[in-house]
């Protein structure tokens, strides 16, 4: 696991680290204080992943299709 700020991570980076956090917590071989820190880091990582997924969903929703179902452009999405 890294000390890199969660806010700078891509979805993939955050998900990979979240998987490591969950694995460490599931094994139960971490001291209580470290478990608390890991849990807090995991919560931040989860929030980052959710935000990045929502962002991607909004971008996909903004794709407009032509009459044949082909991508024709983008429509504005509120908040982006």
C-alpha atoms as a PDB file:
ATOM      1  CA  UNK A   1       0.000   0.000   0.000  1.00  0.00           C
ATOM      2  CA  UNK A   2       1.120   3.505  -0.734  1.00  0.00           C
ATOM      3  CA  UNK A   3       1.109   6.839   1.032  1.00  0.00           C
ATOM      4  CA  UNK A   4      -0.043   8.521  -2.173  1.00  0.00           C
ATOM      5  CA  UNK A   5      -3.018  10.849  -1.668  1.00  0.00           C
ATOM      6  CA  UNK A   6      -6.246   9.126  -2.656  1.00  0.00           C
ATOM      7  CA  UNK A   7      -7.388  12.258  -4.510  1.00  0.00           C
ATOM      8  CA  UNK A   8      -4.536  11.782  -7.015  1.00  0.00           C
ATOM      9  CA  UNK A   9      -5.337   8.137  -7.824  1.00  0.00           C
ATOM     10  CA  UNK A  10      -6.996   6.817 -10.932  1.00  0.00           C
ATOM     11  CA  UNK A  11      -9.907   4.431 -10.551  1.00  0.00           C
ATOM     12  CA  UNK A  12      -7.644   1.463 -11.210  1.00  0.00           C
ATOM     13  CA  UNK A  13      -5.027   2.557  -8.686  1.00  0.00           C
ATOM     14  CA  UNK A  14      -7.644   3.171  -6.003  1.00  0.00           C
ATOM     15  CA  UNK A  15      -9.343  -0.165  -6.682  1.00  0.00           C
ATOM     16  CA  UNK A  16      -6.057  -2.079  -6.514  1.00  0.00           C
ATOM     17  CA  UNK A  17      -5.139  -0.494  -3.207  1.00  0.00           C
ATOM     18  CA  UNK A  18      -8.665  -1.021  -1.860  1.00  0.00           C
ATOM     19  CA  UNK A  19      -8.365  -4.735  -2.665  1.00  0.00           C
ATOM     20  CA  UNK A  20      -5.088  -4.847  -0.707  1.00  0.00           C
ATOM     21  CA  UNK A  21      -6.682  -3.057   2.253  1.00  0.00           C
ATOM     22  CA  UNK A  22      -9.630  -5.450   2.300  1.00  0.00           C
ATOM     23  CA  UNK A  23      -7.282  -8.433   2.066  1.00  0.00           C
ATOM     24  CA  UNK A  24      -5.192  -7.216   4.995  1.00  0.00           C
ATOM     25  CA  UNK A  25      -8.283  -6.607   7.117  1.00  0.00           C
ATOM     26  CA  UNK A  26      -9.786  -9.993   6.223  1.00  0.00           C
ATOM     27  CA  UNK A  27      -6.591 -11.833   7.192  1.00  0.00           C
ATOM     28  CA  UNK A  28      -6.802 -10.240  10.631  1.00  0.00           C
ATOM     29  CA  UNK A  29      -3.041 -10.171  11.099  1.00  0.00           C
ATOM     30  CA  UNK A  30      -2.925  -6.400  11.578  1.00  0.00           C
ATOM     31  CA  UNK A  31      -2.728  -4.674  14.962  1.00  0.00           C
ATOM     32  CA  UNK A  32      -5.837  -2.826  16.135  1.00  0.00           C
ATOM     33  CA  UNK A  33      -4.461   0.682  15.549  1.00  0.00           C
ATOM     34  CA  UNK A  34      -3.240  -0.296  12.090  1.00  0.00           C
ATOM     35  CA  UNK A  35      -6.607  -1.890  11.348  1.00  0.00           C
ATOM     36  CA  UNK A  36      -8.339   1.387  12.152  1.00  0.00           C
ATOM     37  CA  UNK A  37      -5.987   3.289   9.835  1.00  0.00           C
ATOM     38  CA  UNK A  38      -6.491   0.697   7.111  1.00  0.00           C
ATOM     39  CA  UNK A  39     -10.263   0.909   7.499  1.00  0.00           C
ATOM     40  CA  UNK A  40     -10.150   4.707   7.209  1.00  0.00           C
ATOM     41  CA  UNK A  41      -7.917   4.466   4.120  1.00  0.00           C
ATOM     42  CA  UNK A  42     -10.278   1.882   2.657  1.00  0.00           C
ATOM     43  CA  UNK A  43     -13.247   4.199   3.177  1.00  0.00           C
ATOM     44  CA  UNK A  44     -11.411   6.977   1.324  1.00  0.00           C
ATOM     45  CA  UNK A  45     -10.491   4.607  -1.492  1.00  0.00           C
ATOM     46  CA  UNK A  46     -14.074   3.371  -1.788  1.00  0.00           C
ATOM     47  CA  UNK A  47     -15.332   6.940  -2.004  1.00  0.00           C
ATOM     48  CA  UNK A  48     -12.756   7.719  -4.735  1.00  0.00           C
ATOM     49  CA  UNK A  49     -13.781   4.651  -6.747  1.00  0.00           C
ATOM     50  CA  UNK A  50     -17.454   5.574  -6.488  1.00  0.00           C
ATOM     51  CA  UNK A  51     -16.745   9.146  -7.614  1.00  0.00           C
ATOM     52  CA  UNK A  52     -14.681   7.997 -10.597  1.00  0.00           C
ATOM     53  CA  UNK A  53     -17.395   5.497 -11.613  1.00  0.00           C
ATOM     54  CA  UNK A  54     -20.071   8.203 -11.397  1.00  0.00           C
ATOM     55  CA  UNK A  55     -17.910  10.487 -13.502  1.00  0.00           C
ATOM     56  CA  UNK A  56     -17.525   7.774 -16.146  1.00  0.00           C
ATOM     57  CA  UNK A  57     -21.258   7.022 -16.119  1.00  0.00           C
ATOM     58  CA  UNK A  58     -22.033  10.700 -16.675  1.00  0.00           C
ATOM     59  CA  UNK A  59     -19.628  10.829 -19.610  1.00  0.00           C
ATOM     60  CA  UNK A  60     -21.229   7.752 -21.173  1.00  0.00           C
ATOM     61  CA  UNK A  61     -24.689   9.222 -20.611  1.00  0.00           C
ATOM     62  CA  UNK A  62     -23.563  12.361 -22.458  1.00  0.00           C
ATOM     63  CA  UNK A  63     -22.860  10.456 -25.698  1.00  0.00           C
ATOM     64  CA  UNK A  64     -25.538  11.151 -28.274  1.00  0.00           C
ATOM     65  CA  UNK A  65     -26.479   8.623 -30.946  1.00  0.00           C
ATOM     66  CA  UNK A  66     -27.585   9.145 -34.514  1.00  0.00           C
ATOM     67  CA  UNK A  67     -30.540   7.395 -36.121  1.00  0.00           C
ATOM     68  CA  UNK A  68     -28.463   4.255 -36.733  1.00  0.00           C
ATOM     69  CA  UNK A  69     -27.288   4.039 -33.105  1.00  0.00           C
ATOM     70  CA  UNK A  70     -23.767   5.275 -33.858  1.00  0.00           C
ATOM     71  CA  UNK A  71     -22.049   7.785 -31.602  1.00  0.00           C
ATOM     72  CA  UNK A  72     -22.722  11.216 -33.064  1.00  0.00           C
ATOM     73  CA  UNK A  73     -21.312  13.544 -30.436  1.00  0.00           C
ATOM     74  CA  UNK A  74     -21.687  14.673 -26.875  1.00  0.00           C
ATOM     75  CA  UNK A  75     -24.436  16.559 -25.135  1.00  0.00           C
ATOM     76  CA  UNK A  76     -23.684  18.813 -22.180  1.00  0.00           C
ATOM     77  CA  UNK A  77     -24.041  17.193 -18.771  1.00  0.00           C
ATOM     78  CA  UNK A  78     -24.849  19.328 -15.748  1.00  0.00           C
ATOM     79  CA  UNK A  79     -21.969  19.534 -13.293  1.00  0.00           C
ATOM     80  CA  UNK A  80     -19.192  18.632 -15.738  1.00  0.00           C
END
